[in-house]
Amino acid sequence: MTADLEDEHRYRLAIRATEPDDGRELVRRIQRAPETISARTVETGDDLEGEFVEWVPGTVLVIERDGDLHPFPAGREPIRVGDRIHAIGVPDELAAL
């Protein structure tokens, strides 16, 4: 069987679980949901600079700031220059992001 594999190609091993689990169910639901995830880095003069997380279109899942991850930030957390924001929402909502 390994003789069929070619050196110049990359392969990914996938194993199916014998029983469904919560992780697989979560992935299945995300794949079928109308929402999507978008990311954006805030730059100087950006509309989001100084705004609160709760004012960001969609729902902010995580902020990457100074090499640290801040999951589910508080609504009153201010957005700073250099922050990378990851938000989930419907495409129309995230178009403003």
PDB file of N, CA and C in Angstrom:
ATOM      1  N   MET A   1       0.817  -1.185   0.000  1.00  0.00           N
ATOM      2  CA  MET A   1       0.000   0.000   0.000  1.00  0.00           C
ATOM      3  C   MET A   1       0.869   1.262   0.000  1.00  0.00           C
ATOM      4  N   THR A   2       1.915   1.332   0.799  1.00  0.00           N
ATOM      5  CA  THR A   2       2.772   2.518   0.821  1.00  0.00           C
ATOM      6  C   THR A   2       3.539   2.681  -0.478  1.00  0.00           C
ATOM      7  N   ALA A   3       3.667   1.636  -1.262  1.00  0.00           N
ATOM      8  CA  ALA A   3       4.345   1.736  -2.550  1.00  0.00           C
ATOM      9  C   ALA A   3       3.558   2.628  -3.510  1.00  0.00           C
ATOM     10  N   ASP A   4       2.258   2.815  -3.259  1.00  0.00           N
ATOM     11  CA  ASP A   4       1.417   3.661  -4.098  1.00  0.00           C
ATOM     12  C   ASP A   4       1.592   5.153  -3.809  1.00  0.00           C
ATOM     13  N   LEU A   5       2.225   5.503  -2.704  1.00  0.00           N
ATOM     14  CA  LEU A   5       2.414   6.900  -2.330  1.00  0.00           C
ATOM     15  C   LEU A   5       3.621   7.479  -3.047  1.00  0.00           C
ATOM     16  N   GLU A   6       3.473   8.699  -3.542  1.00  0.00           N
ATOM     17  CA  GLU A   6       4.539   9.353  -4.273  1.00  0.00           C
ATOM     18  C   GLU A   6       5.222  10.393  -3.387  1.00  0.00           C
ATOM     19  N   ASP A   7       6.549  10.493  -3.467  1.00  0.00           N
ATOM     20  CA  ASP A   7       7.311  11.397  -2.622  1.00  0.00           C
ATOM     21  C   ASP A   7       6.975  12.866  -2.843  1.00  0.00           C
ATOM     22  N   GLU A   8       6.651  13.252  -4.073  1.00  0.00           N
ATOM     23  CA  GLU A   8       6.434  14.665  -4.379  1.00  0.00           C
ATOM     24  C   GLU A   8       5.025  15.149  -4.022  1.00  0.00           C
ATOM     25  N   HIS A   9       4.188  14.303  -3.491  1.00  0.00           N
ATOM     26  CA  HIS A   9       2.838  14.679  -3.089  1.00  0.00           C
ATOM     27  C   HIS A   9       2.727  14.721  -1.575  1.00  0.00           C
ATOM     28  N   ARG A  10       1.805  15.539  -1.089  1.00  0.00           N
ATOM     29  CA  ARG A  10       1.501  15.583   0.342  1.00  0.00           C
ATOM     30  C   ARG A  10       0.204  14.831   0.576  1.00  0.00           C
ATOM     31  N   TYR A  11       0.136  14.105   1.661  1.00  0.00           N
ATOM     32  CA  TYR A  11      -1.038  13.310   1.983  1.00  0.00           C
ATOM     33  C   TYR A  11      -1.520  13.658   3.382  1.00  0.00           C
ATOM     34  N   ARG A  12      -2.805  13.494   3.594  1.00  0.00           N
ATOM     35  CA  ARG A  12      -3.394  13.731   4.906  1.00  0.00           C
ATOM     36  C   ARG A  12      -4.119  12.462   5.338  1.00  0.00           C
ATOM     37  N   LEU A  13      -3.820  12.011   6.531  1.00  0.00           N
ATOM     38  CA  LEU A  13      -4.459  10.820   7.069  1.00  0.00           C
ATOM     39  C   LEU A  13      -5.732  11.241   7.790  1.00  0.00           C
ATOM     40  N   ALA A  14      -6.836  10.638   7.437  1.00  0.00           N
ATOM     41  CA  ALA A  14      -8.109  10.924   8.076  1.00  0.00           C
ATOM     42  C   ALA A  14      -8.669   9.629   8.645  1.00  0.00           C
ATOM     43  N   ILE A  15      -9.113   9.719   9.877  1.00  0.00           N
ATOM     44  CA  ILE A  15      -9.678   8.547  10.545  1.00  0.00           C
ATOM     45  C   ILE A  15     -11.096   8.887  10.969  1.00  0.00           C
ATOM     46  N   ARG A  16     -12.019   8.051  10.605  1.00  0.00           N
ATOM     47  CA  ARG A  16     -13.405   8.259  11.006  1.00  0.00           C
ATOM     48  C   ARG A  16     -13.635   7.661  12.398  1.00  0.00           C
ATOM     49  N   ALA A  17     -14.319   8.433  13.219  1.00  0.00           N
ATOM     50  CA  ALA A  17     -14.679   7.931  14.541  1.00  0.00           C
ATOM     51  C   ALA A  17     -15.739   6.841  14.381  1.00  0.00           C
ATOM     52  N   THR A  18     -15.672   5.825  15.209  1.00  0.00           N
ATOM     53  CA  THR A  18     -16.666   4.760  15.129  1.00  0.00           C
ATOM     54  C   THR A  18     -18.000   5.218  15.708  1.00  0.00           C
ATOM     55  N   GLU A  19     -17.957   6.184  16.622  1.00  0.00           N
ATOM     56  CA  GLU A  19     -19.185   6.717  17.201  1.00  0.00           C
ATOM     57  C   GLU A  19     -19.150   8.235  17.110  1.00  0.00           C
ATOM     58  N   PRO A  20     -20.297   8.880  16.864  1.00  0.00           N
ATOM     59  CA  PRO A  20     -20.312  10.342  16.805  1.00  0.00           C
ATOM     60  C   PRO A  20     -19.927  10.935  18.158  1.00  0.00           C
ATOM     61  N   ASP A  21     -19.278  12.091  18.123  1.00  0.00           N
ATOM     62  CA  ASP A  21     -18.942  12.765  19.364  1.00  0.00           C
ATOM     63  C   ASP A  21     -19.302  14.245  19.235  1.00  0.00           C
ATOM     64  N   ASP A  22     -19.158  14.997  20.310  1.00  0.00           N
ATOM     65  CA  ASP A  22     -19.547  16.400  20.308  1.00  0.00           C
ATOM     66  C   ASP A  22     -18.730  17.226  19.330  1.00  0.00           C
ATOM     67  N   GLY A  23     -17.439  16.926  19.193  1.00  0.00           N
ATOM     68  CA  GLY A  23     -16.577  17.672  18.279  1.00  0.00           C
ATOM     69  C   GLY A  23     -17.039  17.537  16.841  1.00  0.00           C
ATOM     70  N   ARG A  24     -17.367  16.329  16.437  1.00  0.00           N
ATOM     71  CA  ARG A  24     -17.842  16.100  15.072  1.00  0.00           C
ATOM     72  C   ARG A  24     -19.187  16.780  14.856  1.00  0.00           C
ATOM     73  N   GLU A  25     -20.024  16.764  15.860  1.00  0.00           N
ATOM     74  CA  GLU A  25     -21.330  17.424  15.759  1.00  0.00           C
ATOM     75  C   GLU A  25     -21.159  18.938  15.628  1.00  0.00           C
ATOM     76  N   LEU A  26     -20.244  19.515  16.381  1.00  0.00           N
ATOM     77  CA  LEU A  26     -19.973  20.950  16.283  1.00  0.00           C
ATOM     78  C   LEU A  26     -19.497  21.316  14.878  1.00  0.00           C
ATOM     79  N   VAL A  27     -18.562  20.566  14.340  1.00  0.00           N
ATOM     80  CA  VAL A  27     -18.050  20.825  12.991  1.00  0.00           C
ATOM     81  C   VAL A  27     -19.178  20.711  11.975  1.00  0.00           C
ATOM     82  N   ARG A  28     -20.004  19.706  12.105  1.00  0.00           N
ATOM     83  CA  ARG A  28     -21.120  19.509  11.173  1.00  0.00           C
ATOM     84  C   ARG A  28     -22.058  20.716  11.209  1.00  0.00           C
ATOM     85  N   ARG A  29     -22.364  21.201  12.389  1.00  0.00           N
ATOM     86  CA  ARG A  29     -23.273  22.344  12.511  1.00  0.00           C
ATOM     87  C   ARG A  29     -22.650  23.624  11.964  1.00  0.00           C
ATOM     88  N   ILE A  30     -21.376  23.820  12.209  1.00  0.00           N
ATOM     89  CA  ILE A  30     -20.689  25.010  11.684  1.00  0.00           C
ATOM     90  C   ILE A  30     -20.693  24.989  10.161  1.00  0.00           C
ATOM     91  N   GLN A  31     -20.451  23.833   9.582  1.00  0.00           N
ATOM     92  CA  GLN A  31     -20.422  23.725   8.123  1.00  0.00           C
ATOM     93  C   GLN A  31     -21.780  24.034   7.500  1.00  0.00           C
ATOM     94  N   ARG A  32     -22.841  23.774   8.198  1.00  0.00           N
ATOM     95  CA  ARG A  32     -24.191  23.986   7.651  1.00  0.00           C
ATOM     96  C   ARG A  32     -24.796  25.330   8.052  1.00  0.00           C
ATOM     97  N   ALA A  33     -24.166  26.048   8.954  1.00  0.00           N
ATOM     98  CA  ALA A  33     -24.716  27.312   9.438  1.00  0.00           C
ATOM     99  C   ALA A  33     -24.533  28.422   8.402  1.00  0.00           C
ATOM    100  N   PRO A  34     -25.437  29.396   8.393  1.00  0.00           N
ATOM    101  CA  PRO A  34     -25.298  30.514   7.452  1.00  0.00           C
ATOM    102  C   PRO A  34     -24.199  31.493   7.866  1.00  0.00           C
ATOM    103  N   GLU A  35     -23.755  31.409   9.115  1.00  0.00           N
ATOM    104  CA  GLU A  35     -22.721  32.316   9.595  1.00  0.00           C
ATOM    105  C   GLU A  35     -21.353  31.919   9.045  1.00  0.00           C
ATOM    106  N   THR A  36     -20.463  32.889   9.062  1.00  0.00           N
ATOM    107  CA  THR A  36     -19.086  32.667   8.647  1.00  0.00           C
ATOM    108  C   THR A  36     -18.176  33.404   9.627  1.00  0.00           C
ATOM    109  N   ILE A  37     -16.891  33.121   9.573  1.00  0.00           N
ATOM    110  CA  ILE A  37     -15.930  33.794  10.444  1.00  0.00           C
ATOM    111  C   ILE A  37     -15.041  34.678   9.590  1.00  0.00           C
ATOM    112  N   SER A  38     -14.797  35.875  10.095  1.00  0.00           N
ATOM    113  CA  SER A  38     -13.954  36.830   9.390  1.00  0.00           C
ATOM    114  C   SER A  38     -12.924  37.376  10.374  1.00  0.00           C
ATOM    115  N   ALA A  39     -11.765  37.731   9.852  1.00  0.00           N
ATOM    116  CA  ALA A  39     -10.703  38.296  10.698  1.00  0.00           C
ATOM    117  C   ALA A  39     -10.217  39.597  10.074  1.00  0.00           C
ATOM    118  N   ARG A  40      -9.810  40.514  10.930  1.00  0.00           N
ATOM    119  CA  ARG A  40      -9.321  41.809  10.461  1.00  0.00           C
ATOM    120  C   ARG A  40      -8.341  42.365  11.475  1.00  0.00           C
ATOM    121  N   THR A  41      -7.248  42.921  10.974  1.00  0.00           N
ATOM    122  CA  THR A  41      -6.267  43.583  11.827  1.00  0.00           C
ATOM    123  C   THR A  41      -6.561  45.080  11.819  1.00  0.00           C
ATOM    124  N   VAL A  42      -6.621  45.674  12.996  1.00  0.00           N
ATOM    125  CA  VAL A  42      -6.939  47.092  13.140  1.00  0.00           C
ATOM    126  C   VAL A  42      -5.665  47.908  12.962  1.00  0.00           C
ATOM    127  N   GLU A  43      -5.745  48.896  12.066  1.00  0.00           N
ATOM    128  CA  GLU A  43      -4.599  49.754  11.783  1.00  0.00           C
ATOM    129  C   GLU A  43      -4.877  51.174  12.254  1.00  0.00           C
ATOM    130  N   THR A  44      -3.846  52.001  12.337  1.00  0.00           N
ATOM    131  CA  THR A  44      -3.983  53.385  12.764  1.00  0.00           C
ATOM    132  C   THR A  44      -4.991  54.106  11.872  1.00  0.00           C
ATOM    133  N   GLY A  45      -5.931  54.809  12.487  1.00  0.00           N
ATOM    134  CA  GLY A  45      -6.953  55.536  11.751  1.00  0.00           C
ATOM    135  C   GLY A  45      -8.132  54.686  11.318  1.00  0.00           C
ATOM    136  N   ASP A  46      -8.102  53.408  11.638  1.00  0.00           N
ATOM    137  CA  ASP A  46      -9.175  52.478  11.293  1.00  0.00           C
ATOM    138  C   ASP A  46     -10.457  52.880  12.031  1.00  0.00           C
ATOM    139  N   ASP A  47     -11.607  52.632  11.400  1.00  0.00           N
ATOM    140  CA  ASP A  47     -12.897  52.929  12.032  1.00  0.00           C
ATOM    141  C   ASP A  47     -13.087  52.199  13.362  1.00  0.00           C
ATOM    142  N   LEU A  48     -12.486  51.039  13.508  1.00  0.00           N
ATOM    143  CA  LEU A  48     -12.657  50.251  14.733  1.00  0.00           C
ATOM    144  C   LEU A  48     -11.746  50.697  15.873  1.00  0.00           C
ATOM    145  N   GLU A  49     -10.727  51.478  15.592  1.00  0.00           N
ATOM    146  CA  GLU A  49      -9.785  51.921  16.627  1.00  0.00           C
ATOM    147  C   GLU A  49     -10.547  52.682  17.715  1.00  0.00           C
ATOM    148  N   GLY A  50     -10.444  52.205  18.951  1.00  0.00           N
ATOM    149  CA  GLY A  50     -11.097  52.849  20.090  1.00  0.00           C
ATOM    150  C   GLY A  50     -12.537  52.442  20.316  1.00  0.00           C
ATOM    151  N   GLU A  51     -13.131  51.703  19.395  1.00  0.00           N
ATOM    152  CA  GLU A  51     -14.513  51.239  19.573  1.00  0.00           C
ATOM    153  C   GLU A  51     -14.547  50.103  20.592  1.00  0.00           C
ATOM    154  N   PHE A  52     -15.715  49.856  21.148  1.00  0.00           N
ATOM    155  CA  PHE A  52     -15.886  48.740  22.063  1.00  0.00           C
ATOM    156  C   PHE A  52     -16.205  47.468  21.284  1.00  0.00           C
ATOM    157  N   VAL A  53     -15.832  46.333  21.832  1.00  0.00           N
ATOM    158  CA  VAL A  53     -16.093  45.034  21.196  1.00  0.00           C
ATOM    159  C   VAL A  53     -17.571  44.875  20.852  1.00  0.00           C
ATOM    160  N   GLU A  54     -18.448  45.326  21.737  1.00  0.00           N
ATOM    161  CA  GLU A  54     -19.887  45.144  21.500  1.00  0.00           C
ATOM    162  C   GLU A  54     -20.384  45.946  20.296  1.00  0.00           C
ATOM    163  N   TRP A  55     -19.611  46.887  19.790  1.00  0.00           N
ATOM    164  CA  TRP A  55     -20.012  47.680  18.638  1.00  0.00           C
ATOM    165  C   TRP A  55     -19.508  47.082  17.325  1.00  0.00           C
ATOM    166  N   VAL A  56     -18.700  46.040  17.396  1.00  0.00           N
ATOM    167  CA  VAL A  56     -18.169  45.383  16.202  1.00  0.00           C
ATOM    168  C   VAL A  56     -19.283  44.556  15.563  1.00  0.00           C
ATOM    169  N   PRO A  57     -19.446  44.642  14.233  1.00  0.00           N
ATOM    170  CA  PRO A  57     -20.472  43.811  13.577  1.00  0.00           C
ATOM    171  C   PRO A  57     -20.223  42.320  13.845  1.00  0.00           C
ATOM    172  N   GLY A  58     -21.287  41.583  14.048  1.00  0.00           N
ATOM    173  CA  GLY A  58     -21.161  40.163  14.354  1.00  0.00           C
ATOM    174  C   GLY A  58     -20.839  39.971  15.829  1.00  0.00           C
ATOM    175  N   THR A  59     -20.288  38.825  16.144  1.00  0.00           N
ATOM    176  CA  THR A  59     -19.887  38.502  17.511  1.00  0.00           C
ATOM    177  C   THR A  59     -18.392  38.251  17.527  1.00  0.00           C
ATOM    178  N   VAL A  60     -17.664  39.018  18.333  1.00  0.00           N
ATOM    179  CA  VAL A  60     -16.214  38.840  18.422  1.00  0.00           C
ATOM    180  C   VAL A  60     -15.929  37.583  19.225  1.00  0.00           C
ATOM    181  N   LEU A  61     -15.236  36.644  18.589  1.00  0.00           N
ATOM    182  CA  LEU A  61     -14.874  35.392  19.251  1.00  0.00           C
ATOM    183  C   LEU A  61     -13.559  35.509  20.005  1.00  0.00           C
ATOM    184  N   VAL A  62     -12.601  36.198  19.393  1.00  0.00           N
ATOM    185  CA  VAL A  62     -11.273  36.298  19.999  1.00  0.00           C
ATOM    186  C   VAL A  62     -10.571  37.544  19.465  1.00  0.00           C
ATOM    187  N   ILE A  63      -9.731  38.122  20.311  1.00  0.00           N
ATOM    188  CA  ILE A  63      -8.832  39.202  19.894  1.00  0.00           C
ATOM    189  C   ILE A  63      -7.414  38.696  20.083  1.00  0.00           C
ATOM    190  N   GLU A  64      -6.610  38.812  19.036  1.00  0.00           N
ATOM    191  CA  GLU A  64      -5.173  38.546  19.144  1.00  0.00           C
ATOM    192  C   GLU A  64      -4.530  39.896  19.442  1.00  0.00           C
ATOM    193  N   ARG A  65      -3.849  39.983  20.583  1.00  0.00           N
ATOM    194  CA  ARG A  65      -3.242  41.249  20.997  1.00  0.00           C
ATOM    195  C   ARG A  65      -1.878  40.964  21.614  1.00  0.00           C
ATOM    196  N   ASP A  66      -0.848  41.564  21.041  1.00  0.00           N
ATOM    197  CA  ASP A  66       0.516  41.445  21.576  1.00  0.00           C
ATOM    198  C   ASP A  66       0.925  39.993  21.792  1.00  0.00           C
ATOM    199  N   GLY A  67       0.546  39.126  20.869  1.00  0.00           N
ATOM    200  CA  GLY A  67       0.931  37.724  20.952  1.00  0.00           C
ATOM    201  C   GLY A  67       0.066  36.876  21.864  1.00  0.00           C
ATOM    202  N   ASP A  68      -0.933  37.483  22.489  1.00  0.00           N
ATOM    203  CA  ASP A  68      -1.840  36.748  23.376  1.00  0.00           C
ATOM    204  C   ASP A  68      -3.224  36.648  22.743  1.00  0.00           C
ATOM    205  N   LEU A  69      -3.943  35.591  23.095  1.00  0.00           N
ATOM    206  CA  LEU A  69      -5.317  35.417  22.642  1.00  0.00           C
ATOM    207  C   LEU A  69      -6.263  35.782  23.768  1.00  0.00           C
ATOM    208  N   HIS A  70      -7.305  36.558  23.444  1.00  0.00           N
ATOM    209  CA  HIS A  70      -8.319  36.968  24.418  1.00  0.00           C
ATOM    210  C   HIS A  70      -9.675  36.490  23.901  1.00  0.00           C
ATOM    211  N   PRO A  71     -10.063  35.249  24.295  1.00  0.00           N
ATOM    212  CA  PRO A  71     -11.330  34.705  23.801  1.00  0.00           C
ATOM    213  C   PRO A  71     -12.533  35.365  24.467  1.00  0.00           C
ATOM    214  N   PHE A  72     -13.591  35.533  23.680  1.00  0.00           N
ATOM    215  CA  PHE A  72     -14.855  36.092  24.152  1.00  0.00           C
ATOM    216  C   PHE A  72     -14.631  37.346  25.010  1.00  0.00           C
ATOM    217  N   PRO A  73     -14.024  38.387  24.419  1.00  0.00           N
ATOM    218  CA  PRO A  73     -13.740  39.598  25.197  1.00  0.00           C
ATOM    219  C   PRO A  73     -15.027  40.282  25.655  1.00  0.00           C
ATOM    220  N   ALA A  74     -14.932  40.995  26.771  1.00  0.00           N
ATOM    221  CA  ALA A  74     -16.075  41.721  27.316  1.00  0.00           C
ATOM    222  C   ALA A  74     -16.534  42.781  26.319  1.00  0.00           C
ATOM    223  N   GLY A  75     -17.812  43.086  26.335  1.00  0.00           N
ATOM    224  CA  GLY A  75     -18.393  44.045  25.410  1.00  0.00           C
ATOM    225  C   GLY A  75     -17.789  45.431  25.508  1.00  0.00           C
ATOM    226  N   ARG A  76     -17.324  45.818  26.682  1.00  0.00           N
ATOM    227  CA  ARG A  76     -16.751  47.148  26.886  1.00  0.00           C
ATOM    228  C   ARG A  76     -15.238  47.183  26.683  1.00  0.00           C
ATOM    229  N   GLU A  77     -14.665  46.093  26.185  1.00  0.00           N
ATOM    230  CA  GLU A  77     -13.224  46.044  25.887  1.00  0.00           C
ATOM    231  C   GLU A  77     -12.953  46.926  24.674  1.00  0.00           C
ATOM    232  N   PRO A  78     -12.061  47.916  24.797  1.00  0.00           N
ATOM    233  CA  PRO A  78     -11.761  48.764  23.639  1.00  0.00           C
ATOM    234  C   PRO A  78     -10.847  48.059  22.638  1.00  0.00           C
ATOM    235  N   ILE A  79     -11.080  48.339  21.363  1.00  0.00           N
ATOM    236  CA  ILE A  79     -10.272  47.801  20.283  1.00  0.00           C
ATOM    237  C   ILE A  79      -9.051  48.705  20.107  1.00  0.00           C
ATOM    238  N   ARG A  80      -7.873  48.108  19.990  1.00  0.00           N
ATOM    239  CA  ARG A  80      -6.626  48.864  19.850  1.00  0.00           C
ATOM    240  C   ARG A  80      -5.985  48.626  18.491  1.00  0.00           C
ATOM    241  N   VAL A  81      -5.143  49.579  18.098  1.00  0.00           N
ATOM    242  CA  VAL A  81      -4.348  49.411  16.884  1.00  0.00           C
ATOM    243  C   VAL A  81      -3.477  48.174  17.055  1.00  0.00           C
ATOM    244  N   GLY A  82      -3.419  47.338  16.044  1.00  0.00           N
ATOM    245  CA  GLY A  82      -2.630  46.113  16.080  1.00  0.00           C
ATOM    246  C   GLY A  82      -3.430  44.888  16.476  1.00  0.00           C
ATOM    247  N   ASP A  83      -4.624  45.099  17.042  1.00  0.00           N
ATOM    248  CA  ASP A  83      -5.479  43.959  17.390  1.00  0.00           C
ATOM    249  C   ASP A  83      -5.913  43.236  16.121  1.00  0.00           C
ATOM    250  N   ARG A  84      -5.941  41.917  16.182  1.00  0.00           N
ATOM    251  CA  ARG A  84      -6.531  41.113  15.106  1.00  0.00           C
ATOM    252  C   ARG A  84      -7.818  40.544  15.687  1.00  0.00           C
ATOM    253  N   ILE A  85      -8.922  40.923  15.080  1.00  0.00           N
ATOM    254  CA  ILE A  85     -10.246  40.557  15.583  1.00  0.00           C
ATOM    255  C   ILE A  85     -10.804  39.420  14.739  1.00  0.00           C
ATOM    256  N   HIS A  86     -11.318  38.397  15.397  1.00  0.00           N
ATOM    257  CA  HIS A  86     -11.979  37.274  14.731  1.00  0.00           C
ATOM    258  C   HIS A  86     -13.447  37.316  15.162  1.00  0.00           C
ATOM    259  N   ALA A  87     -14.341  37.495  14.194  1.00  0.00           N
ATOM    260  CA  ALA A  87     -15.764  37.613  14.498  1.00  0.00           C
ATOM    261  C   ALA A  87     -16.558  36.613  13.673  1.00  0.00           C
ATOM    262  N   ILE A  88     -17.711  36.226  14.216  1.00  0.00           N
ATOM    263  CA  ILE A  88     -18.623  35.331  13.513  1.00  0.00           C
ATOM    264  C   ILE A  88     -19.928  36.076  13.282  1.00  0.00           C
ATOM    265  N   GLY A  89     -20.527  35.850  12.127  1.00  0.00           N
ATOM    266  CA  GLY A  89     -21.798  36.473  11.801  1.00  0.00           C
ATOM    267  C   GLY A  89     -22.208  36.088  10.396  1.00  0.00           C
ATOM    268  N   VAL A  90     -23.376  36.569   9.991  1.00  0.00           N
ATOM    269  CA  VAL A  90     -23.819  36.320   8.620  1.00  0.00           C
ATOM    270  C   VAL A  90     -23.032  37.232   7.697  1.00  0.00           C
ATOM    271  N   PRO A  91     -22.836  36.833   6.440  1.00  0.00           N
ATOM    272  CA  PRO A  91     -21.999  37.628   5.526  1.00  0.00           C
ATOM    273  C   PRO A  91     -22.371  39.101   5.432  1.00  0.00           C
ATOM    274  N   ASP A  92     -23.670  39.435   5.396  1.00  0.00           N
ATOM    275  CA  ASP A  92     -24.074  40.841   5.317  1.00  0.00           C
ATOM    276  C   ASP A  92     -23.595  41.623   6.538  1.00  0.00           C
ATOM    277  N   GLU A  93     -23.658  41.010   7.679  1.00  0.00           N
ATOM    278  CA  GLU A  93     -23.215  41.627   8.930  1.00  0.00           C
ATOM    279  C   GLU A  93     -21.713  41.881   8.909  1.00  0.00           C
ATOM    280  N   LEU A  94     -20.954  40.890   8.454  1.00  0.00           N
ATOM    281  CA  LEU A  94     -19.499  40.986   8.475  1.00  0.00           C
ATOM    282  C   LEU A  94     -18.934  41.822   7.336  1.00  0.00           C
ATOM    283  N   ALA A  95     -19.761  42.156   6.345  1.00  0.00           N
ATOM    284  CA  ALA A  95     -19.274  43.000   5.244  1.00  0.00           C
ATOM    285  C   ALA A  95     -18.798  44.345   5.785  1.00  0.00           C
ATOM    286  N   ALA A  96     -19.419  44.827   6.838  1.00  0.00           N
ATOM    287  CA  ALA A  96     -19.011  46.098   7.458  1.00  0.00           C
ATOM    288  C   ALA A  96     -17.708  45.952   8.229  1.00  0.00           C
ATOM    289  N   LEU A  97     -17.345  44.743   8.572  1.00  0.00           N
ATOM    290  CA  LEU A  97     -16.096  44.518   9.324  1.00  0.00           C
ATOM    291  C   LEU A  97     -14.923  44.619   8.391  1.00  0.00           C
TER     292      LEU A  97
END
